[in-house]
Amino acid sequence: MKINEITASKLVKLVLNCVECEYPHSNIYWLNSDEDVKPPRELTPAFYGCLDWHSSVHGHWLLARLARYFPEAAFSFSAKEALNKSLTPEKIKGEVSYLEHHPRFEIPYGVAWLLQLAAELYEWNDDKAQQWRTILQPLESRVAENLRLWLEKLTVCDRSGMHKQTAFGLCLILDWAKTVKNTAFIHLIEDKAKQFYLNDKNYSLRFEPLGYDFLSPCLAEADLMRRILAQNTFADWLTEFLPDIPIDDSENWLKPVEVKDSEDYMQAHFYGLNLSRAWMIEGIISGLPDDDKRINTLKKVADIHRQIGLANAVCEHYAGSHWLGTFAIYLTTCRGLSN
């Protein structure tokens, strides 16, 4: 199911309602001095709304993605207007300064989304988008350098289901590197992915979610490995890694997670988990040979997660409304399958 203009308009409205909404705010800032005790709009002047920095960044990605996807839609003008207000040389200079003094800020999740925003602008055949890309480039370069220094020294991957997870971040970063043809970064990620995951075996899905996850540790890992391995090699690796995937068209081996309290900021993560499971499984399918016997059951489970995830994507409470649209758009516009 592709995104339609009506739903896209609702999701754009949710983002527009929060990109300049400074409070409530929940971010993890490292304080080096009194200078770091400032309102969010002063610390990170382009991306201070939407509860936290990473949600603001990928909210701007959503605006760019949908304005590009629906150029004639009524909401496209408002989306571009918001992008134009945030992506100014002065504001991006402030962002660069903050990341220069806090090089591990939002690594890997938030800065991976920043690179996705850069990739979206890079691909968008629009004069204004190319102006924004030029303005954003100093921050893109700073983020890439911070990530390189972090990744080169990383010896143990994070296998959680939240922001610090390594595999999902590497998926987004790798797709950016392929888009902008950064060969050195592509090789670095491929080497690290093999180092961390190539020899993994016998993972059990029974243990997920591990907590208030919005990402599946094992599916994100598989979605990363399909990006770097040849089809037959990936199929063999998946057999070793997830041996419990059935071939009998069963739907019960991975059930969507239910949310009992949509106003609980942590429990609302499960809405995103259902959406991200759907796109990760679709990614896994894309990496398998066409005759792989697991494809039908993978499709069924992906479809179930997709339907339930999208049914809850337009969320009225801020616990979900400040971020869920991004996951819905990433899924329905097949962003993860375009590289």
C-alpha atoms as a PDB file:
ATOM      1  CA  MET A   1       0.000   0.000   0.000  1.00  0.00           C
ATOM      2  CA  LYS A   2       1.498   3.295  -1.164  1.00  0.00           C
ATOM      3  CA  ILE A   3       0.964   6.551   0.675  1.00  0.00           C
ATOM      4  CA  ASN A   4      -1.898   8.657  -0.667  1.00  0.00           C
ATOM      5  CA  GLU A   5      -2.105  12.431  -0.741  1.00  0.00           C
ATOM      6  CA  ILE A   6      -4.772  12.652   1.962  1.00  0.00           C
ATOM      7  CA  THR A   7      -2.741  10.680   4.495  1.00  0.00           C
ATOM      8  CA  ALA A   8       0.444  12.473   3.440  1.00  0.00           C
ATOM      9  CA  SER A   9      -1.274  15.796   4.124  1.00  0.00           C
ATOM     10  CA  LYS A  10      -2.205  14.673   7.641  1.00  0.00           C
ATOM     11  CA  LEU A  11       1.347  13.596   8.385  1.00  0.00           C
ATOM     12  CA  VAL A  12       2.804  16.834   7.038  1.00  0.00           C
ATOM     13  CA  LYS A  13       0.413  18.754   9.297  1.00  0.00           C
ATOM     14  CA  LEU A  14       1.636  16.816  12.337  1.00  0.00           C
ATOM     15  CA  VAL A  15       5.243  17.725  11.535  1.00  0.00           C
ATOM     16  CA  LEU A  16       4.400  21.362  10.866  1.00  0.00           C
ATOM     17  CA  ASN A  17       2.711  21.454  14.260  1.00  0.00           C
ATOM     18  CA  CYS A  18       5.908  20.387  16.016  1.00  0.00           C
ATOM     19  CA  VAL A  19       9.008  21.667  14.154  1.00  0.00           C
ATOM     20  CA  GLU A  20       8.736  24.983  15.996  1.00  0.00           C
ATOM     21  CA  CYS A  21       7.303  23.479  19.174  1.00  0.00           C
ATOM     22  CA  GLU A  22      10.234  23.806  21.566  1.00  0.00           C
ATOM     23  CA  TYR A  23       8.480  22.343  24.610  1.00  0.00           C
ATOM     24  CA  PRO A  24       7.898  19.742  25.845  1.00  0.00           C
ATOM     25  CA  HIS A  25      11.511  18.814  25.189  1.00  0.00           C
ATOM     26  CA  SER A  26      13.411  15.623  25.980  1.00  0.00           C
ATOM     27  CA  ASN A  27      17.024  15.473  24.886  1.00  0.00           C
ATOM     28  CA  ILE A  28      20.270  14.129  26.269  1.00  0.00           C
ATOM     29  CA  TYR A  29      22.802  16.936  26.232  1.00  0.00           C
ATOM     30  CA  TRP A  30      26.382  16.606  27.412  1.00  0.00           C
ATOM     31  CA  LEU A  31      27.237  19.672  29.478  1.00  0.00           C
ATOM     32  CA  ASN A  32      30.809  20.869  29.104  1.00  0.00           C
ATOM     33  CA  SER A  33      30.226  24.266  30.690  1.00  0.00           C
ATOM     34  CA  ASP A  34      27.590  26.835  31.617  1.00  0.00           C
ATOM     35  CA  GLU A  35      27.408  27.667  27.917  1.00  0.00           C
ATOM     36  CA  ASP A  36      25.603  24.374  27.359  1.00  0.00           C
ATOM     37  CA  VAL A  37      22.768  25.325  29.697  1.00  0.00           C
ATOM     38  CA  LYS A  38      20.576  27.132  27.200  1.00  0.00           C
ATOM     39  CA  PRO A  39      17.146  26.678  25.629  1.00  0.00           C
ATOM     40  CA  PRO A  40      17.059  24.121  22.781  1.00  0.00           C
ATOM     41  CA  ARG A  41      16.483  26.844  20.167  1.00  0.00           C
ATOM     42  CA  GLU A  42      19.847  28.357  21.113  1.00  0.00           C
ATOM     43  CA  LEU A  43      21.793  25.118  21.322  1.00  0.00           C
ATOM     44  CA  THR A  44      20.532  23.639  18.038  1.00  0.00           C
ATOM     45  CA  PRO A  45      18.770  26.474  16.200  1.00  0.00           C
ATOM     46  CA  ALA A  46      17.599  24.523  13.138  1.00  0.00           C
ATOM     47  CA  PHE A  47      16.401  21.344  14.832  1.00  0.00           C
ATOM     48  CA  TYR A  48      14.982  22.170  18.267  1.00  0.00           C
ATOM     49  CA  GLY A  49      11.303  21.141  18.019  1.00  0.00           C
ATOM     50  CA  CYS A  50       9.476  17.807  17.897  1.00  0.00           C
ATOM     51  CA  LEU A  51      10.475  16.836  21.467  1.00  0.00           C
ATOM     52  CA  ASP A  52      14.094  15.995  20.558  1.00  0.00           C
ATOM     53  CA  TRP A  53      16.788  16.688  17.978  1.00  0.00           C
ATOM     54  CA  HIS A  54      16.504  13.442  16.044  1.00  0.00           C
ATOM     55  CA  SER A  55      12.720  13.732  15.679  1.00  0.00           C
ATOM     56  CA  SER A  56      13.109  17.288  14.442  1.00  0.00           C
ATOM     57  CA  VAL A  57      15.689  16.156  11.897  1.00  0.00           C
ATOM     58  CA  HIS A  58      13.620  13.316  10.526  1.00  0.00           C
ATOM     59  CA  GLY A  59      10.530  15.505  10.634  1.00  0.00           C
ATOM     60  CA  HIS A  60      12.339  17.817   8.207  1.00  0.00           C
ATOM     61  CA  TRP A  61      13.237  14.723   6.166  1.00  0.00           C
ATOM     62  CA  LEU A  62       9.508  13.893   5.981  1.00  0.00           C
ATOM     63  CA  LEU A  63       8.712  17.398   4.734  1.00  0.00           C
ATOM     64  CA  ALA A  64      11.346  17.103   2.021  1.00  0.00           C
ATOM     65  CA  ARG A  65      10.328  13.580   1.081  1.00  0.00           C
ATOM     66  CA  LEU A  66       6.641  14.387   0.703  1.00  0.00           C
ATOM     67  CA  ALA A  67       7.151  17.734  -1.017  1.00  0.00           C
ATOM     68  CA  ARG A  68       9.321  15.851  -3.499  1.00  0.00           C
ATOM     69  CA  TYR A  69       6.858  12.966  -3.736  1.00  0.00           C
ATOM     70  CA  PHE A  70       3.754  15.166  -4.164  1.00  0.00           C
ATOM     71  CA  PRO A  71       5.072  18.337  -5.846  1.00  0.00           C
ATOM     72  CA  GLU A  72       1.593  19.555  -6.841  1.00  0.00           C
ATOM     73  CA  ALA A  73      -0.081  18.874  -3.494  1.00  0.00           C
ATOM     74  CA  ALA A  74      -1.448  21.793  -1.485  1.00  0.00           C
ATOM     75  CA  PHE A  75       0.771  20.898   1.464  1.00  0.00           C
ATOM     76  CA  SER A  76       3.945  21.049  -0.619  1.00  0.00           C
ATOM     77  CA  PHE A  77       4.136  24.853  -0.321  1.00  0.00           C
ATOM     78  CA  SER A  78       3.846  24.747   3.480  1.00  0.00           C
ATOM     79  CA  ALA A  79       6.448  21.982   3.683  1.00  0.00           C
ATOM     80  CA  LYS A  80       8.889  23.977   1.570  1.00  0.00           C
ATOM     81  CA  GLU A  81       8.199  27.103   3.599  1.00  0.00           C
ATOM     82  CA  ALA A  82       9.106  25.262   6.813  1.00  0.00           C
ATOM     83  CA  LEU A  83      12.276  23.859   5.254  1.00  0.00           C
ATOM     84  CA  ASN A  84      13.247  27.309   4.064  1.00  0.00           C
ATOM     85  CA  LYS A  85      12.771  28.705   7.565  1.00  0.00           C
ATOM     86  CA  SER A  86      14.938  26.026   9.204  1.00  0.00           C
ATOM     87  CA  LEU A  87      17.656  25.525   6.605  1.00  0.00           C
ATOM     88  CA  THR A  88      19.361  28.906   6.703  1.00  0.00           C
ATOM     89  CA  PRO A  89      23.140  29.503   6.717  1.00  0.00           C
ATOM     90  CA  GLU A  90      22.990  31.088  10.167  1.00  0.00           C
ATOM     91  CA  LYS A  91      20.998  28.264  11.755  1.00  0.00           C
ATOM     92  CA  ILE A  92      23.095  25.526  10.169  1.00  0.00           C
ATOM     93  CA  LYS A  93      26.231  27.332  11.349  1.00  0.00           C
ATOM     94  CA  GLY A  94      24.854  27.046  14.882  1.00  0.00           C
ATOM     95  CA  GLU A  95      24.230  23.315  14.386  1.00  0.00           C
ATOM     96  CA  VAL A  96      27.774  22.798  13.100  1.00  0.00           C
ATOM     97  CA  SER A  97      29.198  24.632  16.089  1.00  0.00           C
ATOM     98  CA  TYR A  98      27.231  22.445  18.506  1.00  0.00           C
ATOM     99  CA  LEU A  99      28.363  19.209  16.848  1.00  0.00           C
ATOM    100  CA  GLU A 100      31.962  20.395  16.727  1.00  0.00           C
ATOM    101  CA  HIS A 101      31.897  20.795  20.507  1.00  0.00           C
ATOM    102  CA  HIS A 102      29.795  17.655  21.089  1.00  0.00           C
ATOM    103  CA  PRO A 103      31.079  15.145  18.505  1.00  0.00           C
ATOM    104  CA  ARG A 104      29.187  12.156  19.931  1.00  0.00           C
ATOM    105  CA  PHE A 105      25.834  13.929  20.040  1.00  0.00           C
ATOM    106  CA  GLU A 106      22.998  11.826  18.559  1.00  0.00           C
ATOM    107  CA  ILE A 107      25.311   9.078  17.269  1.00  0.00           C
ATOM    108  CA  PRO A 108      24.230   6.980  15.482  1.00  0.00           C
ATOM    109  CA  TYR A 109      20.449   7.438  15.208  1.00  0.00           C
ATOM    110  CA  GLY A 110      19.951  11.175  14.952  1.00  0.00           C
ATOM    111  CA  VAL A 111      22.919  11.935  12.736  1.00  0.00           C
ATOM    112  CA  ALA A 112      21.998   9.012  10.473  1.00  0.00           C
ATOM    113  CA  TRP A 113      18.684  10.770   9.837  1.00  0.00           C
ATOM    114  CA  LEU A 114      20.563  14.015   9.152  1.00  0.00           C
ATOM    115  CA  LEU A 115      22.431  12.184   6.392  1.00  0.00           C
ATOM    116  CA  GLN A 116      19.118  10.872   5.079  1.00  0.00           C
ATOM    117  CA  LEU A 117      17.899  14.457   4.859  1.00  0.00           C
ATOM    118  CA  ALA A 118      21.052  15.353   2.948  1.00  0.00           C
ATOM    119  CA  ALA A 119      20.516  12.392   0.602  1.00  0.00           C
ATOM    120  CA  GLU A 120      16.901  13.414  -0.010  1.00  0.00           C
ATOM    121  CA  LEU A 121      17.954  16.923  -0.998  1.00  0.00           C
ATOM    122  CA  TYR A 122      20.782  15.515  -3.124  1.00  0.00           C
ATOM    123  CA  GLU A 123      18.342  13.428  -5.178  1.00  0.00           C
ATOM    124  CA  TRP A 124      15.585  16.042  -5.406  1.00  0.00           C
ATOM    125  CA  ASN A 125      15.571  17.707  -8.809  1.00  0.00           C
ATOM    126  CA  ASP A 126      14.438  21.081  -7.531  1.00  0.00           C
ATOM    127  CA  ASP A 127      16.342  24.370  -7.504  1.00  0.00           C
ATOM    128  CA  LYS A 128      15.363  25.251  -3.957  1.00  0.00           C
ATOM    129  CA  ALA A 129      16.244  21.777  -2.716  1.00  0.00           C
ATOM    130  CA  GLN A 130      19.706  22.157  -4.181  1.00  0.00           C
ATOM    131  CA  GLN A 131      20.095  25.491  -2.371  1.00  0.00           C
ATOM    132  CA  TRP A 132      19.147  23.807   0.898  1.00  0.00           C
ATOM    133  CA  ARG A 133      21.614  20.999   0.181  1.00  0.00           C
ATOM    134  CA  THR A 134      24.396  23.539  -0.278  1.00  0.00           C
ATOM    135  CA  ILE A 135      23.422  25.241   2.979  1.00  0.00           C
ATOM    136  CA  LEU A 136      23.266  21.874   4.780  1.00  0.00           C
ATOM    137  CA  GLN A 137      26.617  20.599   3.456  1.00  0.00           C
ATOM    138  CA  PRO A 138      28.791  21.957   6.297  1.00  0.00           C
ATOM    139  CA  LEU A 139      26.619  20.085   8.797  1.00  0.00           C
ATOM    140  CA  GLU A 140      26.595  16.993   6.586  1.00  0.00           C
ATOM    141  CA  SER A 141      30.404  17.076   6.491  1.00  0.00           C
ATOM    142  CA  ARG A 142      30.681  17.567  10.258  1.00  0.00           C
ATOM    143  CA  VAL A 143      28.277  14.685  10.891  1.00  0.00           C
ATOM    144  CA  ALA A 144      30.155  12.412   8.481  1.00  0.00           C
ATOM    145  CA  GLU A 145      33.464  13.200  10.177  1.00  0.00           C
ATOM    146  CA  ASN A 146      32.032  12.621  13.665  1.00  0.00           C
ATOM    147  CA  LEU A 147      30.600   9.310  12.504  1.00  0.00           C
ATOM    148  CA  ARG A 148      33.835   8.229  10.860  1.00  0.00           C
ATOM    149  CA  LEU A 149      35.841   8.845  14.021  1.00  0.00           C
ATOM    150  CA  TRP A 150      33.238   7.007  16.099  1.00  0.00           C
ATOM    151  CA  LEU A 151      32.836   4.056  13.759  1.00  0.00           C
ATOM    152  CA  GLU A 152      36.537   3.439  13.185  1.00  0.00           C
ATOM    153  CA  LYS A 153      37.032   2.950  16.936  1.00  0.00           C
ATOM    154  CA  LEU A 154      33.809   1.016  17.556  1.00  0.00           C
ATOM    155  CA  THR A 155      34.629  -2.490  18.781  1.00  0.00           C
ATOM    156  CA  VAL A 156      31.255  -3.708  20.106  1.00  0.00           C
ATOM    157  CA  CYS A 157      27.927  -3.071  18.384  1.00  0.00           C
ATOM    158  CA  ASP A 158      24.790  -2.037  20.233  1.00  0.00           C
ATOM    159  CA  ARG A 159      22.091  -4.696  19.929  1.00  0.00           C
ATOM    160  CA  SER A 160      19.267  -2.862  21.678  1.00  0.00           C
ATOM    161  CA  GLY A 161      15.994  -1.821  20.076  1.00  0.00           C
ATOM    162  CA  MET A 162      16.283   1.926  20.545  1.00  0.00           C
ATOM    163  CA  HIS A 163      18.362   4.906  19.437  1.00  0.00           C
ATOM    164  CA  LYS A 164      21.823   3.522  20.148  1.00  0.00           C
ATOM    165  CA  GLN A 165      21.319   0.404  18.017  1.00  0.00           C
ATOM    166  CA  THR A 166      24.199   0.097  15.590  1.00  0.00           C
ATOM    167  CA  ALA A 167      22.615  -1.884  12.742  1.00  0.00           C
ATOM    168  CA  PHE A 168      19.775   0.502  11.920  1.00  0.00           C
ATOM    169  CA  GLY A 169      22.037   3.529  12.025  1.00  0.00           C
ATOM    170  CA  LEU A 170      24.432   1.830   9.639  1.00  0.00           C
ATOM    171  CA  CYS A 171      21.550   1.083   7.243  1.00  0.00           C
ATOM    172  CA  LEU A 172      20.683   4.767   6.921  1.00  0.00           C
ATOM    173  CA  ILE A 173      24.307   5.866   6.768  1.00  0.00           C
ATOM    174  CA  LEU A 174      25.158   3.273   4.123  1.00  0.00           C
ATOM    175  CA  ASP A 175      22.233   4.376   1.956  1.00  0.00           C
ATOM    176  CA  TRP A 176      23.431   7.985   2.223  1.00  0.00           C
ATOM    177  CA  ALA A 177      26.987   6.939   1.313  1.00  0.00           C
ATOM    178  CA  LYS A 178      25.714   5.094  -1.770  1.00  0.00           C
ATOM    179  CA  THR A 179      23.572   8.062  -2.791  1.00  0.00           C
ATOM    180  CA  VAL A 180      26.410  10.584  -2.614  1.00  0.00           C
ATOM    181  CA  LYS A 181      28.980   8.013  -3.836  1.00  0.00           C
ATOM    182  CA  ASN A 182      31.194   8.190  -0.743  1.00  0.00           C
ATOM    183  CA  THR A 183      33.214   5.054  -1.492  1.00  0.00           C
ATOM    184  CA  ALA A 184      35.403   5.260   1.593  1.00  0.00           C
ATOM    185  CA  PHE A 185      32.375   5.339   3.881  1.00  0.00           C
ATOM    186  CA  ILE A 186      30.736   2.476   2.007  1.00  0.00           C
ATOM    187  CA  HIS A 187      33.813   0.313   2.560  1.00  0.00           C
ATOM    188  CA  LEU A 188      34.061   1.305   6.231  1.00  0.00           C
ATOM    189  CA  ILE A 189      30.444   0.306   6.905  1.00  0.00           C
ATOM    190  CA  GLU A 190      30.725  -2.933   4.954  1.00  0.00           C
ATOM    191  CA  ASP A 191      33.833  -3.899   6.924  1.00  0.00           C
ATOM    192  CA  LYS A 192      32.241  -3.064  10.274  1.00  0.00           C
ATOM    193  CA  ALA A 193      28.997  -4.866   9.411  1.00  0.00           C
ATOM    194  CA  LYS A 194      30.896  -8.027   8.564  1.00  0.00           C
ATOM    195  CA  GLN A 195      32.991  -7.686  11.701  1.00  0.00           C
ATOM    196  CA  PHE A 196      29.923  -7.342  13.916  1.00  0.00           C
ATOM    197  CA  TYR A 197      27.347  -9.584  12.255  1.00  0.00           C
ATOM    198  CA  LEU A 198      28.696 -11.979   9.641  1.00  0.00           C
ATOM    199  CA  ASN A 199      29.216 -14.852  12.083  1.00  0.00           C
ATOM    200  CA  ASP A 200      25.946 -14.435  14.011  1.00  0.00           C
ATOM    201  CA  LYS A 201      23.861 -17.595  14.308  1.00  0.00           C
ATOM    202  CA  ASN A 202      20.660 -18.921  15.870  1.00  0.00           C
ATOM    203  CA  TYR A 203      18.952 -15.706  16.949  1.00  0.00           C
ATOM    204  CA  SER A 204      15.536 -16.244  18.528  1.00  0.00           C
ATOM    205  CA  LEU A 205      12.725 -13.804  17.804  1.00  0.00           C
ATOM    206  CA  ARG A 206      10.988 -14.977  20.973  1.00  0.00           C
ATOM    207  CA  PHE A 207      13.003 -12.473  22.985  1.00  0.00           C
ATOM    208  CA  GLU A 208      11.779  -9.419  21.088  1.00  0.00           C
ATOM    209  CA  PRO A 209      10.826  -6.787  21.940  1.00  0.00           C
ATOM    210  CA  LEU A 210      13.637  -6.511  24.480  1.00  0.00           C
ATOM    211  CA  GLY A 211      12.070  -3.429  26.077  1.00  0.00           C
ATOM    212  CA  TYR A 212      10.267  -0.370  24.749  1.00  0.00           C
ATOM    213  CA  ASP A 213      11.763  -0.980  21.325  1.00  0.00           C
ATOM    214  CA  PHE A 214      10.885   0.892  18.167  1.00  0.00           C
ATOM    215  CA  LEU A 215      13.440  -1.130  16.186  1.00  0.00           C
ATOM    216  CA  SER A 216      13.934  -4.882  15.966  1.00  0.00           C
ATOM    217  CA  PRO A 217      17.574  -5.753  16.723  1.00  0.00           C
ATOM    218  CA  CYS A 218      17.594  -8.900  14.614  1.00  0.00           C
ATOM    219  CA  LEU A 219      15.555  -7.614  11.661  1.00  0.00           C
ATOM    220  CA  ALA A 220      17.638  -4.438  11.493  1.00  0.00           C
ATOM    221  CA  GLU A 221      20.760  -6.574  11.404  1.00  0.00           C
ATOM    222  CA  ALA A 222      19.349  -8.690   8.579  1.00  0.00           C
ATOM    223  CA  ASP A 223      18.221  -5.556   6.719  1.00  0.00           C
ATOM    224  CA  LEU A 224      21.789  -4.281   6.932  1.00  0.00           C
ATOM    225  CA  MET A 225      23.381  -7.527   5.778  1.00  0.00           C
ATOM    226  CA  ARG A 226      21.126  -7.774   2.715  1.00  0.00           C
ATOM    227  CA  ARG A 227      22.618  -4.438   1.663  1.00  0.00           C
ATOM    228  CA  ILE A 228      26.185  -5.759   1.635  1.00  0.00           C
ATOM    229  CA  LEU A 229      25.930  -9.443   0.694  1.00  0.00           C
ATOM    230  CA  ALA A 230      25.131 -11.071  -2.652  1.00  0.00           C
ATOM    231  CA  GLN A 231      21.684 -12.716  -2.807  1.00  0.00           C
ATOM    232  CA  ASN A 232      22.738 -16.343  -2.383  1.00  0.00           C
ATOM    233  CA  THR A 233      25.269 -15.444   0.290  1.00  0.00           C
ATOM    234  CA  PHE A 234      22.644 -13.428   2.145  1.00  0.00           C
ATOM    235  CA  ALA A 235      20.116 -16.280   1.877  1.00  0.00           C
ATOM    236  CA  ASP A 236      22.627 -18.687   3.424  1.00  0.00           C
ATOM    237  CA  TRP A 237      23.532 -16.174   6.138  1.00  0.00           C
ATOM    238  CA  LEU A 238      19.830 -15.654   6.970  1.00  0.00           C
ATOM    239  CA  THR A 239      19.323 -19.410   7.314  1.00  0.00           C
ATOM    240  CA  GLU A 240      22.076 -19.541   9.910  1.00  0.00           C
ATOM    241  CA  PHE A 241      21.021 -16.349  11.675  1.00  0.00           C
ATOM    242  CA  LEU A 242      17.223 -16.822  11.790  1.00  0.00           C
ATOM    243  CA  PRO A 243      16.649 -20.563  11.389  1.00  0.00           C
ATOM    244  CA  ASP A 244      13.096 -20.339  12.813  1.00  0.00           C
ATOM    245  CA  ILE A 245      11.581 -18.458   9.864  1.00  0.00           C
ATOM    246  CA  PRO A 246       8.993 -20.958   8.585  1.00  0.00           C
ATOM    247  CA  ILE A 247       8.351 -21.910   4.979  1.00  0.00           C
ATOM    248  CA  ASP A 248       4.707 -22.959   5.502  1.00  0.00           C
ATOM    249  CA  ASP A 249       3.123 -19.498   5.025  1.00  0.00           C
ATOM    250  CA  SER A 250       2.594 -19.199   8.784  1.00  0.00           C
ATOM    251  CA  GLU A 251       1.679 -15.774  10.215  1.00  0.00           C
ATOM    252  CA  ASN A 252       2.182 -16.548  13.887  1.00  0.00           C
ATOM    253  CA  TRP A 253       5.957 -16.546  14.176  1.00  0.00           C
ATOM    254  CA  LEU A 254       6.108 -12.753  14.604  1.00  0.00           C
ATOM    255  CA  LYS A 255       3.053 -10.902  15.875  1.00  0.00           C
ATOM    256  CA  PRO A 256       2.617  -7.117  15.992  1.00  0.00           C
ATOM    257  CA  VAL A 257       3.038  -5.559  19.414  1.00  0.00           C
ATOM    258  CA  GLU A 258      -0.082  -4.078  20.984  1.00  0.00           C
ATOM    259  CA  VAL A 259      -0.181  -0.632  22.576  1.00  0.00           C
ATOM    260  CA  LYS A 260      -2.395  -0.301  25.654  1.00  0.00           C
ATOM    261  CA  ASP A 261      -1.657   3.346  26.437  1.00  0.00           C
ATOM    262  CA  SER A 262      -1.050   5.590  23.416  1.00  0.00           C
ATOM    263  CA  GLU A 263      -0.198   8.541  25.693  1.00  0.00           C
ATOM    264  CA  ASP A 264       2.736   6.707  27.254  1.00  0.00           C
ATOM    265  CA  TYR A 265       5.814   8.014  25.420  1.00  0.00           C
ATOM    266  CA  MET A 266       7.697   4.743  25.839  1.00  0.00           C
ATOM    267  CA  GLN A 267       4.812   2.402  25.025  1.00  0.00           C
ATOM    268  CA  ALA A 268       4.100   4.466  21.902  1.00  0.00           C
ATOM    269  CA  HIS A 269       7.423   3.126  20.612  1.00  0.00           C
ATOM    270  CA  PHE A 270       5.593  -0.071  19.736  1.00  0.00           C
ATOM    271  CA  TYR A 271       3.631   1.761  17.033  1.00  0.00           C
ATOM    272  CA  GLY A 272       6.973   2.502  15.403  1.00  0.00           C
ATOM    273  CA  LEU A 273       8.201  -1.034  15.980  1.00  0.00           C
ATOM    274  CA  ASN A 274       5.345  -2.440  13.916  1.00  0.00           C
ATOM    275  CA  LEU A 275       6.157  -0.014  11.087  1.00  0.00           C
ATOM    276  CA  SER A 276       9.903  -0.629  11.162  1.00  0.00           C
ATOM    277  CA  ARG A 277       9.431  -4.401  11.287  1.00  0.00           C
ATOM    278  CA  ALA A 278       7.358  -4.109   8.103  1.00  0.00           C
ATOM    279  CA  TRP A 279      10.009  -2.204   6.149  1.00  0.00           C
ATOM    280  CA  MET A 280      12.852  -4.337   7.473  1.00  0.00           C
ATOM    281  CA  ILE A 281      11.099  -7.546   6.424  1.00  0.00           C
ATOM    282  CA  GLU A 282      10.435  -6.022   2.998  1.00  0.00           C
ATOM    283  CA  GLY A 283      14.131  -5.204   2.829  1.00  0.00           C
ATOM    284  CA  ILE A 284      15.022  -8.776   3.723  1.00  0.00           C
ATOM    285  CA  ILE A 285      12.722 -10.068   0.977  1.00  0.00           C
ATOM    286  CA  SER A 286      14.433  -7.784  -1.549  1.00  0.00           C
ATOM    287  CA  GLY A 287      17.761  -9.360  -0.691  1.00  0.00           C
ATOM    288  CA  LEU A 288      16.646 -12.956  -1.269  1.00  0.00           C
ATOM    289  CA  PRO A 289      16.560 -14.927  -4.531  1.00  0.00           C
ATOM    290  CA  ASP A 290      13.095 -14.948  -6.122  1.00  0.00           C
ATOM    291  CA  ASP A 291      12.618 -18.656  -5.471  1.00  0.00           C
ATOM    292  CA  ASP A 292      13.434 -18.529  -1.754  1.00  0.00           C
ATOM    293  CA  LYS A 293      10.783 -20.547   0.104  1.00  0.00           C
ATOM    294  CA  ARG A 294      10.604 -18.051   2.992  1.00  0.00           C
ATOM    295  CA  ILE A 295       9.322 -15.164   0.891  1.00  0.00           C
ATOM    296  CA  ASN A 296       5.575 -15.894   1.192  1.00  0.00           C
ATOM    297  CA  THR A 297       5.585 -16.085   4.976  1.00  0.00           C
ATOM    298  CA  LEU A 298       7.802 -13.013   5.182  1.00  0.00           C
ATOM    299  CA  LYS A 299       5.349 -11.101   2.965  1.00  0.00           C
ATOM    300  CA  LYS A 300       2.381 -12.113   5.089  1.00  0.00           C
ATOM    301  CA  VAL A 301       4.004 -10.976   8.300  1.00  0.00           C
ATOM    302  CA  ALA A 302       5.220  -7.731   6.721  1.00  0.00           C
ATOM    303  CA  ASP A 303       1.691  -6.990   5.460  1.00  0.00           C
ATOM    304  CA  ILE A 304       0.143  -7.561   8.890  1.00  0.00           C
ATOM    305  CA  HIS A 305       2.668  -5.247  10.557  1.00  0.00           C
ATOM    306  CA  ARG A 306       2.202  -2.681   7.799  1.00  0.00           C
ATOM    307  CA  GLN A 307      -1.581  -2.595   8.190  1.00  0.00           C
ATOM    308  CA  ILE A 308      -1.516  -2.283  11.973  1.00  0.00           C
ATOM    309  CA  GLY A 309       1.348   0.200  11.913  1.00  0.00           C
ATOM    310  CA  LEU A 310      -0.274   2.514   9.380  1.00  0.00           C
ATOM    311  CA  ALA A 311      -3.624   2.359  11.170  1.00  0.00           C
ATOM    312  CA  ASN A 312      -1.942   4.053  14.123  1.00  0.00           C
ATOM    313  CA  ALA A 313       0.457   6.366  12.290  1.00  0.00           C
ATOM    314  CA  VAL A 314      -1.749   9.469  12.471  1.00  0.00           C
ATOM    315  CA  CYS A 315      -1.555   9.777  16.235  1.00  0.00           C
ATOM    316  CA  GLU A 316      -3.284  12.627  18.082  1.00  0.00           C
ATOM    317  CA  HIS A 317      -1.172  12.576  21.229  1.00  0.00           C
ATOM    318  CA  TYR A 318       2.308  14.110  21.115  1.00  0.00           C
ATOM    319  CA  ALA A 319       3.787  10.793  22.304  1.00  0.00           C
ATOM    320  CA  GLY A 320       3.327   9.529  18.753  1.00  0.00           C
ATOM    321  CA  SER A 321       2.524  12.572  16.655  1.00  0.00           C
ATOM    322  CA  HIS A 322       6.016  14.077  16.933  1.00  0.00           C
ATOM    323  CA  TRP A 323       7.696  11.145  15.164  1.00  0.00           C
ATOM    324  CA  LEU A 324       5.499   8.326  13.859  1.00  0.00           C
ATOM    325  CA  GLY A 325       4.843   9.989  10.520  1.00  0.00           C
ATOM    326  CA  THR A 326       8.489   9.574   9.584  1.00  0.00           C
ATOM    327  CA  PHE A 327       8.309   5.814  10.056  1.00  0.00           C
ATOM    328  CA  ALA A 328       5.087   5.631   8.049  1.00  0.00           C
ATOM    329  CA  ILE A 329       6.612   7.604   5.170  1.00  0.00           C
ATOM    330  CA  TYR A 330       9.874   5.671   5.221  1.00  0.00           C
ATOM    331  CA  LEU A 331       7.792   2.495   4.839  1.00  0.00           C
ATOM    332  CA  THR A 332       5.202   3.621   2.296  1.00  0.00           C
ATOM    333  CA  THR A 333       7.621   5.432  -0.021  1.00  0.00           C
ATOM    334  CA  CYS A 334      10.022   2.452   0.081  1.00  0.00           C
ATOM    335  CA  ARG A 335      12.951   4.671   1.050  1.00  0.00           C
ATOM    336  CA  GLY A 336      14.990   1.758   2.358  1.00  0.00           C
ATOM    337  CA  LEU A 337      14.593  -0.111  -0.921  1.00  0.00           C
ATOM    338  CA  SER A 338      15.844   2.667  -3.195  1.00  0.00           C
ATOM    339  CA  ASN A 339      19.558   1.940  -2.716  1.00  0.00           C
END
